[in-house]
Amino acid sequence: HAEILGPKFKLVLKMLRAELTNRGI
């Protein structure tokens, strides 16, 4: 299950970091 879920969570966290880091929001 983790092999399927892991990449999805990594994508979410990658996009949150890329889009929202250091904006204070």
PDB file of all heavy atoms in Angstrom:
ATOM      1  N   HIS A   1       0.839  -1.197   0.000  1.00  0.00           N
ATOM      2  CA  HIS A   1       0.000   0.000   0.000  1.00  0.00           C
ATOM      3  C   HIS A   1       0.878   1.252   0.000  1.00  0.00           C
ATOM      4  O   HIS A   1       0.595   2.231  -0.701  1.00  0.00           O
ATOM      5  CB  HIS A   1      -0.896   0.012   1.241  1.00  0.00           C
ATOM      6  CG  HIS A   1      -2.130  -0.824   1.127  1.00  0.00           C
ATOM      7  ND1 HIS A   1      -3.183  -0.485   0.304  1.00  0.00           N
ATOM      8  CD2 HIS A   1      -2.495  -1.993   1.725  1.00  0.00           C
ATOM      9  CE1 HIS A   1      -4.142  -1.393   0.410  1.00  0.00           C
ATOM     10  NE2 HIS A   1      -3.747  -2.323   1.270  1.00  0.00           N
ATOM     11  N   ALA A   2       1.944   1.211   0.799  1.00  0.00           N
ATOM     12  CA  ALA A   2       2.830   2.372   0.923  1.00  0.00           C
ATOM     13  C   ALA A   2       3.510   2.708  -0.398  1.00  0.00           C
ATOM     14  O   ALA A   2       3.769   3.886  -0.686  1.00  0.00           O
ATOM     15  CB  ALA A   2       3.882   2.116   1.999  1.00  0.00           C
ATOM     16  N   GLU A   3       3.793   1.693  -1.204  1.00  0.00           N
ATOM     17  CA  GLU A   3       4.412   1.939  -2.506  1.00  0.00           C
ATOM     18  C   GLU A   3       3.485   2.740  -3.415  1.00  0.00           C
ATOM     19  O   GLU A   3       3.944   3.466  -4.303  1.00  0.00           O
ATOM     20  CB  GLU A   3       4.778   0.605  -3.169  1.00  0.00           C
ATOM     21  CG  GLU A   3       5.934  -0.119  -2.473  1.00  0.00           C
ATOM     22  CD  GLU A   3       6.168  -1.512  -3.044  1.00  0.00           C
ATOM     23  OE1 GLU A   3       5.458  -1.889  -4.015  1.00  0.00           O
ATOM     24  OE2 GLU A   3       7.042  -2.222  -2.525  1.00  0.00           O
ATOM     25  N   ILE A   4       2.187   2.611  -3.183  1.00  0.00           N
ATOM     26  CA  ILE A   4       1.204   3.374  -3.961  1.00  0.00           C
ATOM     27  C   ILE A   4       0.950   4.733  -3.333  1.00  0.00           C
ATOM     28  O   ILE A   4       0.905   5.762  -4.020  1.00  0.00           O
ATOM     29  CB  ILE A   4      -0.118   2.572  -4.069  1.00  0.00           C
ATOM     30  CG1 ILE A   4       0.119   1.243  -4.801  1.00  0.00           C
ATOM     31  CG2 ILE A   4      -1.199   3.397  -4.762  1.00  0.00           C
ATOM     32  CD1 ILE A   4      -1.054   0.277  -4.722  1.00  0.00           C
ATOM     33  N   LEU A   5       0.814   4.752  -2.008  1.00  0.00           N
ATOM     34  CA  LEU A   5       0.477   5.995  -1.314  1.00  0.00           C
ATOM     35  C   LEU A   5       1.663   6.945  -1.183  1.00  0.00           C
ATOM     36  O   LEU A   5       1.504   8.164  -1.296  1.00  0.00           O
ATOM     37  CB  LEU A   5      -0.039   5.672   0.095  1.00  0.00           C
ATOM     38  CG  LEU A   5      -1.455   5.120   0.204  1.00  0.00           C
ATOM     39  CD1 LEU A   5      -1.722   4.657   1.634  1.00  0.00           C
ATOM     40  CD2 LEU A   5      -2.479   6.170  -0.208  1.00  0.00           C
ATOM     41  N   GLY A   6       2.847   6.391  -0.929  1.00  0.00           N
ATOM     42  CA  GLY A   6       4.022   7.220  -0.662  1.00  0.00           C
ATOM     43  C   GLY A   6       4.270   8.296  -1.706  1.00  0.00           C
ATOM     44  O   GLY A   6       4.439   9.482  -1.362  1.00  0.00           O
ATOM     45  N   PRO A   7       4.304   7.938  -2.991  1.00  0.00           N
ATOM     46  CA  PRO A   7       4.543   8.963  -4.026  1.00  0.00           C
ATOM     47  C   PRO A   7       3.477  10.063  -4.044  1.00  0.00           C
ATOM     48  O   PRO A   7       3.779  11.215  -4.372  1.00  0.00           O
ATOM     49  CB  PRO A   7       4.525   8.150  -5.332  1.00  0.00           C
ATOM     50  CG  PRO A   7       4.918   6.770  -4.917  1.00  0.00           C
ATOM     51  CD  PRO A   7       4.300   6.571  -3.569  1.00  0.00           C
ATOM     52  N   LYS A   8       2.249   9.735  -3.679  1.00  0.00           N
ATOM     53  CA  LYS A   8       1.186  10.746  -3.670  1.00  0.00           C
ATOM     54  C   LYS A   8       1.421  11.762  -2.554  1.00  0.00           C
ATOM     55  O   LYS A   8       1.272  12.976  -2.760  1.00  0.00           O
ATOM     56  CB  LYS A   8      -0.179  10.069  -3.516  1.00  0.00           C
ATOM     57  CG  LYS A   8      -0.561   9.186  -4.707  1.00  0.00           C
ATOM     58  CD  LYS A   8      -1.942   8.593  -4.553  1.00  0.00           C
ATOM     59  CE  LYS A   8      -2.314   7.759  -5.777  1.00  0.00           C
ATOM     60  NZ  LYS A   8      -3.691   7.231  -5.717  1.00  0.00           N
ATOM     61  N   PHE A   9       1.787  11.263  -1.377  1.00  0.00           N
ATOM     62  CA  PHE A   9       2.067  12.182  -0.281  1.00  0.00           C
ATOM     63  C   PHE A   9       3.318  13.007  -0.558  1.00  0.00           C
ATOM     64  O   PHE A   9       3.381  14.195  -0.225  1.00  0.00           O
ATOM     65  CB  PHE A   9       2.192  11.417   1.033  1.00  0.00           C
ATOM     66  CG  PHE A   9       0.861  11.101   1.672  1.00  0.00           C
ATOM     67  CD1 PHE A   9       0.139   9.977   1.285  1.00  0.00           C
ATOM     68  CD2 PHE A   9       0.329  11.939   2.623  1.00  0.00           C
ATOM     69  CE1 PHE A   9      -1.087   9.697   1.858  1.00  0.00           C
ATOM     70  CE2 PHE A   9      -0.900  11.667   3.204  1.00  0.00           C
ATOM     71  CZ  PHE A   9      -1.613  10.542   2.819  1.00  0.00           C
ATOM     72  N   LYS A  10       4.304  12.390  -1.179  1.00  0.00           N
ATOM     73  CA  LYS A  10       5.517  13.135  -1.540  1.00  0.00           C
ATOM     74  C   LYS A  10       5.182  14.264  -2.508  1.00  0.00           C
ATOM     75  O   LYS A  10       5.712  15.377  -2.396  1.00  0.00           O
ATOM     76  CB  LYS A  10       6.553  12.190  -2.166  1.00  0.00           C
ATOM     77  CG  LYS A  10       7.270  11.301  -1.171  1.00  0.00           C
ATOM     78  CD  LYS A  10       8.300  10.428  -1.864  1.00  0.00           C
ATOM     79  CE  LYS A  10       9.019   9.521  -0.879  1.00  0.00           C
ATOM     80  NZ  LYS A  10       9.991   8.618  -1.548  1.00  0.00           N
ATOM     81  N   LEU A  11       4.301  13.976  -3.460  1.00  0.00           N
ATOM     82  CA  LEU A  11       3.901  15.007  -4.422  1.00  0.00           C
ATOM     83  C   LEU A  11       3.187  16.164  -3.714  1.00  0.00           C
ATOM     84  O   LEU A  11       3.475  17.337  -3.984  1.00  0.00           O
ATOM     85  CB  LEU A  11       2.981  14.397  -5.483  1.00  0.00           C
ATOM     86  CG  LEU A  11       2.367  15.397  -6.469  1.00  0.00           C
ATOM     87  CD1 LEU A  11       3.445  16.029  -7.332  1.00  0.00           C
ATOM     88  CD2 LEU A  11       1.311  14.727  -7.337  1.00  0.00           C
ATOM     89  N   VAL A  12       2.267  15.834  -2.830  1.00  0.00           N
ATOM     90  CA  VAL A  12       1.544  16.878  -2.100  1.00  0.00           C
ATOM     91  C   VAL A  12       2.516  17.764  -1.331  1.00  0.00           C
ATOM     92  O   VAL A  12       2.458  19.003  -1.405  1.00  0.00           O
ATOM     93  CB  VAL A  12       0.515  16.248  -1.137  1.00  0.00           C
ATOM     94  CG1 VAL A  12      -0.028  17.302  -0.158  1.00  0.00           C
ATOM     95  CG2 VAL A  12      -0.639  15.630  -1.916  1.00  0.00           C
ATOM     96  N   LEU A  13       3.421  17.139  -0.593  1.00  0.00           N
ATOM     97  CA  LEU A  13       4.350  17.916   0.227  1.00  0.00           C
ATOM     98  C   LEU A  13       5.336  18.702  -0.635  1.00  0.00           C
ATOM     99  O   LEU A  13       5.699  19.841  -0.301  1.00  0.00           O
ATOM    100  CB  LEU A  13       5.092  16.973   1.175  1.00  0.00           C
ATOM    101  CG  LEU A  13       4.176  16.284   2.199  1.00  0.00           C
ATOM    102  CD1 LEU A  13       4.926  15.186   2.942  1.00  0.00           C
ATOM    103  CD2 LEU A  13       3.588  17.280   3.180  1.00  0.00           C
ATOM    104  N   LYS A  14       5.741  18.122  -1.767  1.00  0.00           N
ATOM    105  CA  LYS A  14       6.632  18.829  -2.692  1.00  0.00           C
ATOM    106  C   LYS A  14       5.954  20.092  -3.226  1.00  0.00           C
ATOM    107  O   LYS A  14       6.562  21.177  -3.274  1.00  0.00           O
ATOM    108  CB  LYS A  14       7.019  17.903  -3.844  1.00  0.00           C
ATOM    109  CG  LYS A  14       7.852  18.568  -4.927  1.00  0.00           C
ATOM    110  CD  LYS A  14       8.097  17.607  -6.084  1.00  0.00           C
ATOM    111  CE  LYS A  14       8.810  18.281  -7.239  1.00  0.00           C
ATOM    112  NZ  LYS A  14       8.999  17.363  -8.397  1.00  0.00           N
ATOM    113  N   MET A  15       4.676  19.973  -3.595  1.00  0.00           N
ATOM    114  CA  MET A  15       3.970  21.133  -4.158  1.00  0.00           C
ATOM    115  C   MET A  15       3.673  22.179  -3.087  1.00  0.00           C
ATOM    116  O   MET A  15       3.739  23.384  -3.349  1.00  0.00           O
ATOM    117  CB  MET A  15       2.697  20.675  -4.868  1.00  0.00           C
ATOM    118  CG  MET A  15       2.993  19.847  -6.118  1.00  0.00           C
ATOM    119  SD  MET A  15       1.542  19.549  -7.140  1.00  0.00           S
ATOM    120  CE  MET A  15       1.234  21.184  -7.813  1.00  0.00           C
ATOM    121  N   LEU A  16       3.360  21.742  -1.873  1.00  0.00           N
ATOM    122  CA  LEU A  16       3.154  22.703  -0.794  1.00  0.00           C
ATOM    123  C   LEU A  16       4.429  23.505  -0.536  1.00  0.00           C
ATOM    124  O   LEU A  16       4.393  24.727  -0.379  1.00  0.00           O
ATOM    125  CB  LEU A  16       2.720  21.979   0.487  1.00  0.00           C
ATOM    126  CG  LEU A  16       1.308  21.377   0.502  1.00  0.00           C
ATOM    127  CD1 LEU A  16       1.095  20.593   1.784  1.00  0.00           C
ATOM    128  CD2 LEU A  16       0.241  22.458   0.348  1.00  0.00           C
ATOM    129  N   ARG A  17       5.560  22.796  -0.518  1.00  0.00           N
ATOM    130  CA  ARG A  17       6.840  23.485  -0.293  1.00  0.00           C
ATOM    131  C   ARG A  17       7.131  24.460  -1.430  1.00  0.00           C
ATOM    132  O   ARG A  17       7.526  25.609  -1.207  1.00  0.00           O
ATOM    133  CB  ARG A  17       7.974  22.466  -0.163  1.00  0.00           C
ATOM    134  CG  ARG A  17       8.009  21.733   1.171  1.00  0.00           C
ATOM    135  CD  ARG A  17       9.324  21.000   1.360  1.00  0.00           C
ATOM    136  NE  ARG A  17       9.511  19.958   0.350  1.00  0.00           N
ATOM    137  CZ  ARG A  17       9.173  18.694   0.515  1.00  0.00           C
ATOM    138  NH1 ARG A  17       8.630  18.295   1.658  1.00  0.00           N
ATOM    139  NH2 ARG A  17       9.375  17.809  -0.441  1.00  0.00           N
ATOM    140  N   ALA A  18       6.948  24.001  -2.662  1.00  0.00           N
ATOM    141  CA  ALA A  18       7.282  24.834  -3.822  1.00  0.00           C
ATOM    142  C   ALA A  18       6.372  26.061  -3.931  1.00  0.00           C
ATOM    143  O   ALA A  18       6.822  27.154  -4.290  1.00  0.00           O
ATOM    144  CB  ALA A  18       7.197  23.999  -5.101  1.00  0.00           C
ATOM    145  N   GLU A  19       5.089  25.881  -3.613  1.00  0.00           N
ATOM    146  CA  GLU A  19       4.111  26.943  -3.841  1.00  0.00           C
ATOM    147  C   GLU A  19       3.931  27.878  -2.642  1.00  0.00           C
ATOM    148  O   GLU A  19       3.635  29.064  -2.819  1.00  0.00           O
ATOM    149  CB  GLU A  19       2.756  26.318  -4.188  1.00  0.00           C
ATOM    150  CG  GLU A  19       2.731  25.532  -5.489  1.00  0.00           C
ATOM    151  CD  GLU A  19       2.435  26.410  -6.683  1.00  0.00           C
ATOM    152  OE1 GLU A  19       2.127  27.604  -6.490  1.00  0.00           O
ATOM    153  OE2 GLU A  19       2.512  25.902  -7.813  1.00  0.00           O
ATOM    154  N   LEU A  20       4.102  27.356  -1.427  1.00  0.00           N
ATOM    155  CA  LEU A  20       3.665  28.126  -0.260  1.00  0.00           C
ATOM    156  C   LEU A  20       4.760  28.462   0.741  1.00  0.00           C
ATOM    157  O   LEU A  20       4.544  29.301   1.630  1.00  0.00           O
ATOM    158  CB  LEU A  20       2.553  27.355   0.475  1.00  0.00           C
ATOM    159  CG  LEU A  20       1.320  26.988  -0.365  1.00  0.00           C
ATOM    160  CD1 LEU A  20       0.334  26.181   0.467  1.00  0.00           C
ATOM    161  CD2 LEU A  20       0.654  28.230  -0.931  1.00  0.00           C
ATOM    162  N   THR A  21       5.939  27.839   0.616  1.00  0.00           N
ATOM    163  CA  THR A  21       7.007  28.120   1.567  1.00  0.00           C
ATOM    164  C   THR A  21       7.406  29.598   1.517  1.00  0.00           C
ATOM    165  O   THR A  21       7.472  30.193   0.436  1.00  0.00           O
ATOM    166  CB  THR A  21       8.234  27.236   1.275  1.00  0.00           C
ATOM    167  OG1 THR A  21       7.849  25.864   1.447  1.00  0.00           O
ATOM    168  CG2 THR A  21       9.370  27.533   2.238  1.00  0.00           C
ATOM    169  N   ASN A  22       7.686  30.170   2.681  1.00  0.00           N
ATOM    170  CA  ASN A  22       8.197  31.545   2.833  1.00  0.00           C
ATOM    171  C   ASN A  22       7.201  32.624   2.412  1.00  0.00           C
ATOM    172  O   ASN A  22       7.594  33.772   2.189  1.00  0.00           O
ATOM    173  CB  ASN A  22       9.508  31.740   2.051  1.00  0.00           C
ATOM    174  CG  ASN A  22      10.616  30.849   2.579  1.00  0.00           C
ATOM    175  OD1 ASN A  22      10.669  30.564   3.781  1.00  0.00           O
ATOM    176  ND2 ASN A  22      11.493  30.402   1.693  1.00  0.00           N
ATOM    177  N   ARG A  23       5.929  32.265   2.304  1.00  0.00           N
ATOM    178  CA  ARG A  23       4.937  33.297   1.988  1.00  0.00           C
ATOM    179  C   ARG A  23       4.163  33.745   3.235  1.00  0.00           C
ATOM    180  O   ARG A  23       3.394  34.692   3.191  1.00  0.00           O
ATOM    181  CB  ARG A  23       3.968  32.798   0.911  1.00  0.00           C
ATOM    182  CG  ARG A  23       4.609  32.795  -0.481  1.00  0.00           C
ATOM    183  CD  ARG A  23       3.687  32.180  -1.521  1.00  0.00           C
ATOM    184  NE  ARG A  23       4.215  32.375  -2.862  1.00  0.00           N
ATOM    185  CZ  ARG A  23       5.171  31.623  -3.430  1.00  0.00           C
ATOM    186  NH1 ARG A  23       5.735  30.639  -2.728  1.00  0.00           N
ATOM    187  NH2 ARG A  23       5.573  31.861  -4.661  1.00  0.00           N
ATOM    188  N   GLY A  24       4.327  32.981   4.326  1.00  0.00           N
ATOM    189  CA  GLY A  24       3.673  33.374   5.571  1.00  0.00           C
ATOM    190  C   GLY A  24       2.178  33.213   5.564  1.00  0.00           C
ATOM    191  O   GLY A  24       1.473  33.899   6.312  1.00  0.00           O
ATOM    192  N   ILE A  25       1.675  32.305   4.712  1.00  0.00           N
ATOM    193  CA  ILE A  25       0.220  32.160   4.596  1.00  0.00           C
ATOM    194  C   ILE A  25      -0.260  30.750   4.927  1.00  0.00           C
ATOM    195  O   ILE A  25      -1.465  30.492   4.896  1.00  0.00           O
ATOM    196  CB  ILE A  25      -0.273  32.557   3.191  1.00  0.00           C
ATOM    197  CG1 ILE A  25       0.404  31.702   2.113  1.00  0.00           C
ATOM    198  CG2 ILE A  25      -0.029  34.038   2.934  1.00  0.00           C
ATOM    199  CD1 ILE A  25      -0.148  31.937   0.711  1.00  0.00           C
TER     200      ILE A  25
END
